[in-house]
Amino acid sequence: MAFFHAGPAPKAFGPRPGGLRDGLDLSPGMKVGLFGGSFNPAHDGHAHVAETALRRLDLDRVVWLVSPQNPLKDAADTAPLARRMASARAAAAHAAAGPSMIVSDFETRVGTQRTIDTLRALVARHPGVRFVWLMGSDNLATFHRWRGWTDIMRTVPVAVIARPGSQLDSRTAPAAARFAAARVPASRARRLAELAAPAWTLLNAPLNPRSSTQLRAAARAAPPPARRNG
């Protein structure tokens, strides 16, 4: 796995409002969580993060941003986008019914790959929407390796949802130390989307141990289906 320079990202200007249709039904004043990932495949652990954020942050929507290809992950081990979109839709349906969960291929539509470029494009296209970046605490532990991670923290508020085995690491992560003064107590999390960045919080909730890595390993280890005679 190759890690990429994690310094400031170059400035990028996203598409202007009213241009390319992005399939997102968002209105000014909405509080919207952005949940990015490969979802390779999506599972109930992802649903746990999205549902916890929707409830604890008092969000109007959670947008699942299915990445065309995570630059920090092996493309050979990544399922086709259509399959990952389908698994994300299934997981999102378990998290909440109705319009609260949106599964999107926004990054494929606008041609972004890095999170910071995606955020800038979304903010440019949807002025007045209060975005919050969502991630599991396992991602916070390595967040400082992301390209433009400090720019991400300064672009939108960030909510970190506890994941098994990473709670302690996330509290001592370089990103947590760098932005310690911007941390918002969990008791004030419902106001996070209204705060100016940088602002972030860590939410503890009943932990769900499922992971995409475990699911892919189980699928590879499963015996092939028996052949039928006749």
Protein backbone atom coordinates (compact mmCIF):
# COMPACT_ATOMS: atom_id res chain seq x y z
CA MET A 1 0.00 0.00 0.00
CA ALA A 2 1.44 3.35 -1.00
CA PHE A 3 0.79 6.35 1.20
CA PHE A 4 0.52 9.77 -0.39
CA HIS A 5 1.89 13.09 0.80
CA ALA A 6 -0.39 14.32 3.57
CA GLY A 7 0.41 18.02 3.37
CA PRO A 8 -1.94 20.77 2.24
CA ALA A 9 -3.99 19.91 -0.82
CA PRO A 10 -3.82 22.13 -3.89
CA LYS A 11 -6.77 24.45 -4.34
CA ALA A 12 -9.51 23.01 -6.50
CA PHE A 13 -12.70 24.68 -7.55
CA GLY A 14 -15.72 22.41 -7.71
CA PRO A 15 -18.48 22.63 -10.29
CA ARG A 16 -20.76 25.62 -9.92
CA PRO A 17 -24.36 25.26 -8.69
CA GLY A 18 -26.77 24.39 -11.45
CA GLY A 19 -24.23 22.61 -13.64
CA LEU A 20 -23.88 18.86 -13.64
CA ARG A 21 -26.78 17.13 -11.89
CA ASP A 22 -25.44 15.34 -8.86
CA GLY A 23 -28.64 13.54 -7.81
CA LEU A 24 -28.64 15.11 -4.33
CA ASP A 25 -31.87 16.68 -3.11
CA LEU A 26 -30.40 19.19 -0.66
CA SER A 27 -31.69 22.61 0.39
CA PRO A 28 -30.03 25.55 2.14
CA GLY A 29 -30.25 25.22 5.91
CA MET A 30 -30.16 21.42 5.88
CA LYS A 31 -27.69 19.65 8.16
CA VAL A 32 -26.09 16.89 6.08
CA GLY A 33 -23.58 14.22 7.06
CA LEU A 34 -21.09 13.11 4.39
CA PHE A 35 -20.08 9.48 4.83
CA GLY A 36 -17.34 8.55 2.38
CA GLY A 37 -15.78 5.18 1.73
CA SER A 38 -15.17 2.30 -0.62
CA PHE A 39 -18.02 0.28 0.94
CA ASN A 40 -16.32 -2.85 -0.32
CA PRO A 41 -18.79 -4.19 0.70
CA ALA A 42 -21.02 -2.03 2.87
CA HIS A 43 -22.27 -3.73 6.03
CA ASP A 44 -24.13 -3.14 9.29
CA GLY A 45 -21.04 -1.53 10.82
CA HIS A 46 -21.36 1.24 8.24
CA ALA A 47 -25.08 1.46 8.94
CA HIS A 48 -24.23 1.85 12.65
CA VAL A 49 -21.97 4.84 11.92
CA ALA A 50 -24.56 6.50 9.65
CA GLU A 51 -27.48 5.88 12.01
CA THR A 52 -25.54 7.09 15.05
CA ALA A 53 -24.54 10.28 13.23
CA LEU A 54 -28.07 10.92 11.95
CA ARG A 55 -29.51 10.67 15.47
CA ARG A 56 -26.77 12.16 17.63
CA LEU A 57 -25.95 15.10 15.31
CA ASP A 58 -29.61 15.87 14.54
CA LEU A 59 -28.96 15.62 10.79
CA ASP A 60 -31.53 15.94 8.01
CA ARG A 61 -29.63 13.64 5.64
CA VAL A 62 -26.64 11.33 5.50
CA VAL A 63 -25.04 11.04 2.06
CA TRP A 64 -23.05 7.83 1.49
CA LEU A 65 -20.30 8.87 -0.95
CA VAL A 66 -19.21 5.67 -2.66
CA SER A 67 -15.64 6.22 -3.85
CA PRO A 68 -14.69 5.19 -7.41
CA GLN A 69 -11.33 4.06 -5.98
CA ASN A 70 -9.66 4.86 -2.67
CA PRO A 71 -6.06 5.92 -3.52
CA LEU A 72 -4.84 4.28 -0.29
CA LYS A 73 -6.35 0.90 -1.18
CA ASP A 74 -5.51 -1.79 -3.74
CA ALA A 75 -7.65 -1.46 -6.87
CA ALA A 76 -7.33 -5.22 -7.48
CA ASP A 77 -9.19 -5.87 -4.22
CA THR A 78 -11.99 -3.39 -4.95
CA ALA A 79 -15.32 -4.61 -6.35
CA PRO A 80 -16.93 -2.77 -9.30
CA LEU A 81 -18.66 0.48 -8.41
CA ALA A 82 -22.15 -0.83 -9.28
CA ARG A 83 -21.77 -3.73 -6.84
CA ARG A 84 -20.53 -1.45 -4.06
CA MET A 85 -23.36 1.02 -4.71
CA ALA A 86 -25.87 -1.81 -4.37
CA SER A 87 -24.37 -2.99 -1.08
CA ALA A 88 -24.38 0.60 0.23
CA ARG A 89 -28.05 0.98 -0.68
CA ALA A 90 -28.87 -2.24 1.17
CA ALA A 91 -26.94 -1.14 4.27
CA ALA A 92 -28.42 2.37 4.18
CA ALA A 93 -31.93 0.92 4.01
CA HIS A 94 -31.24 -0.91 7.28
CA ALA A 95 -29.96 2.30 8.90
CA ALA A 96 -33.06 4.43 8.26
CA ALA A 97 -36.11 4.48 6.05
CA GLY A 98 -37.26 7.31 3.82
CA PRO A 99 -35.11 10.12 2.40
CA SER A 100 -32.73 10.36 5.38
CA MET A 101 -30.10 8.17 3.69
CA ILE A 102 -28.80 8.97 0.19
CA VAL A 103 -26.33 6.69 -1.60
CA SER A 104 -24.38 8.67 -4.18
CA ASP A 105 -21.72 8.25 -6.87
CA PHE A 106 -20.99 11.98 -6.66
CA GLU A 107 -17.22 11.53 -6.87
CA THR A 108 -17.54 9.55 -10.09
CA ARG A 109 -19.90 12.13 -11.57
CA VAL A 110 -17.68 15.14 -10.89
CA GLY A 111 -14.34 13.35 -11.26
CA THR A 112 -12.95 13.82 -7.76
CA GLN A 113 -10.93 11.22 -5.89
CA ARG A 114 -9.53 13.00 -2.85
CA THR A 115 -11.86 13.85 0.03
CA ILE A 116 -10.78 17.48 0.14
CA ASP A 117 -11.64 17.95 -3.56
CA THR A 118 -15.02 16.29 -3.02
CA LEU A 119 -15.78 18.57 -0.07
CA ARG A 120 -14.85 21.70 -2.01
CA ALA A 121 -17.07 20.60 -4.91
CA LEU A 122 -20.02 19.91 -2.62
CA VAL A 123 -19.67 23.19 -0.73
CA ALA A 124 -19.49 25.07 -4.04
CA ARG A 125 -22.54 23.30 -5.48
CA HIS A 126 -24.72 23.53 -2.36
CA PRO A 127 -24.28 26.92 -0.68
CA GLY A 128 -26.14 27.20 2.60
CA VAL A 129 -26.08 23.45 3.33
CA ARG A 130 -24.36 22.66 6.63
CA PHE A 131 -22.11 19.71 5.91
CA VAL A 132 -20.40 17.45 8.46
CA TRP A 133 -17.78 14.87 7.50
CA LEU A 134 -18.44 11.48 9.14
CA MET A 135 -15.93 8.73 9.82
CA GLY A 136 -15.29 5.81 12.13
CA SER A 137 -12.67 6.15 14.84
CA ASP A 138 -10.51 3.61 12.99
CA ASN A 139 -10.09 6.24 10.25
CA LEU A 140 -9.15 9.00 12.69
CA ALA A 141 -6.11 6.97 13.77
CA THR A 142 -4.65 7.30 10.24
CA PHE A 143 -6.39 10.52 9.19
CA HIS A 144 -3.09 12.44 9.18
CA ARG A 145 -2.02 10.34 6.16
CA TRP A 146 -4.85 11.68 4.01
CA ARG A 147 -3.96 14.27 1.39
CA GLY A 148 -5.01 17.70 2.67
CA TRP A 149 -6.27 16.42 6.03
CA THR A 150 -5.75 19.77 7.76
CA ASP A 151 -7.73 21.44 4.97
CA ILE A 152 -10.54 18.93 5.51
CA MET A 153 -10.68 19.85 9.19
CA ARG A 154 -10.84 23.55 8.27
CA THR A 155 -13.49 23.10 5.57
CA VAL A 156 -16.33 21.36 7.44
CA PRO A 157 -16.95 20.08 10.98
CA VAL A 158 -16.01 16.42 11.53
CA ALA A 159 -17.79 13.75 13.57
CA VAL A 160 -15.92 10.60 14.60
CA ILE A 161 -18.01 7.59 15.64
CA ALA A 162 -16.35 4.99 17.85
CA ARG A 163 -15.43 1.68 16.21
CA PRO A 164 -14.21 -1.48 18.00
CA GLY A 165 -10.52 -1.62 18.84
CA SER A 166 -9.75 1.95 17.84
CA GLN A 167 -11.23 4.13 20.58
CA LEU A 168 -7.96 4.50 22.50
CA ASP A 169 -5.88 5.01 19.34
CA SER A 170 -8.28 7.65 18.08
CA ARG A 171 -7.97 9.69 21.26
CA THR A 172 -4.19 9.83 20.82
CA ALA A 173 -4.21 10.18 17.02
CA PRO A 174 -2.06 12.97 15.51
CA ALA A 175 -5.19 14.64 14.11
CA ALA A 176 -6.84 14.63 17.55
CA ALA A 177 -3.72 16.20 19.07
CA ARG A 178 -3.33 18.78 16.29
CA PHE A 179 -6.93 19.97 16.64
CA ALA A 180 -7.42 19.36 20.38
CA ALA A 181 -8.61 22.93 20.93
CA ALA A 182 -11.36 22.44 18.31
CA ARG A 183 -12.89 19.38 19.97
CA VAL A 184 -16.57 19.71 20.87
CA PRO A 185 -17.93 17.68 23.81
CA ALA A 186 -20.32 14.90 22.80
CA SER A 187 -22.98 16.62 24.92
CA ARG A 188 -22.97 19.47 22.36
CA ALA A 189 -22.84 17.24 19.27
CA ARG A 190 -26.34 18.23 18.12
CA ARG A 191 -24.96 21.71 17.34
CA LEU A 192 -21.86 20.50 15.48
CA ALA A 193 -23.23 21.21 12.00
CA GLU A 194 -23.93 24.81 13.01
CA LEU A 195 -20.35 25.49 14.13
CA ALA A 196 -17.58 26.96 12.01
CA ALA A 197 -14.72 24.63 11.14
CA PRO A 198 -12.45 23.49 12.60
CA ALA A 199 -14.78 21.70 14.99
CA TRP A 200 -14.96 17.98 15.69
CA THR A 201 -16.44 15.54 18.15
CA LEU A 202 -16.07 11.89 19.14
CA LEU A 203 -19.28 9.95 19.64
CA ASN A 204 -19.38 6.75 21.66
CA ALA A 205 -22.21 4.33 20.96
CA PRO A 206 -22.84 0.57 21.27
CA LEU A 207 -20.04 -0.85 19.15
CA ASN A 208 -20.56 -2.93 16.02
CA PRO A 209 -17.59 -5.19 15.15
CA ARG A 210 -18.37 -5.85 11.49
CA SER A 211 -15.80 -4.74 8.90
CA SER A 212 -15.47 -4.95 5.13
CA THR A 213 -12.07 -6.62 5.50
CA GLN A 214 -13.60 -9.45 7.52
CA LEU A 215 -16.44 -9.89 5.04
CA ARG A 216 -14.06 -10.09 2.06
CA ALA A 217 -11.87 -12.61 3.89
CA ALA A 218 -14.90 -14.75 4.71
CA ALA A 219 -16.05 -14.63 1.08
CA ARG A 220 -12.63 -15.78 -0.15
CA ALA A 221 -12.54 -18.60 2.40
CA ALA A 222 -16.03 -19.88 1.60
CA PRO A 223 -16.14 -23.10 -0.47
CA PRO A 224 -17.48 -22.79 -4.01
CA PRO A 225 -21.14 -23.74 -4.48
CA ALA A 226 -21.72 -27.41 -5.22
CA ARG A 227 -22.26 -28.29 -8.89
CA ARG A 228 -25.60 -29.79 -9.74
CA ASN A 229 -25.76 -32.91 -11.84
CA GLY A 230 -28.13 -33.23 -14.73
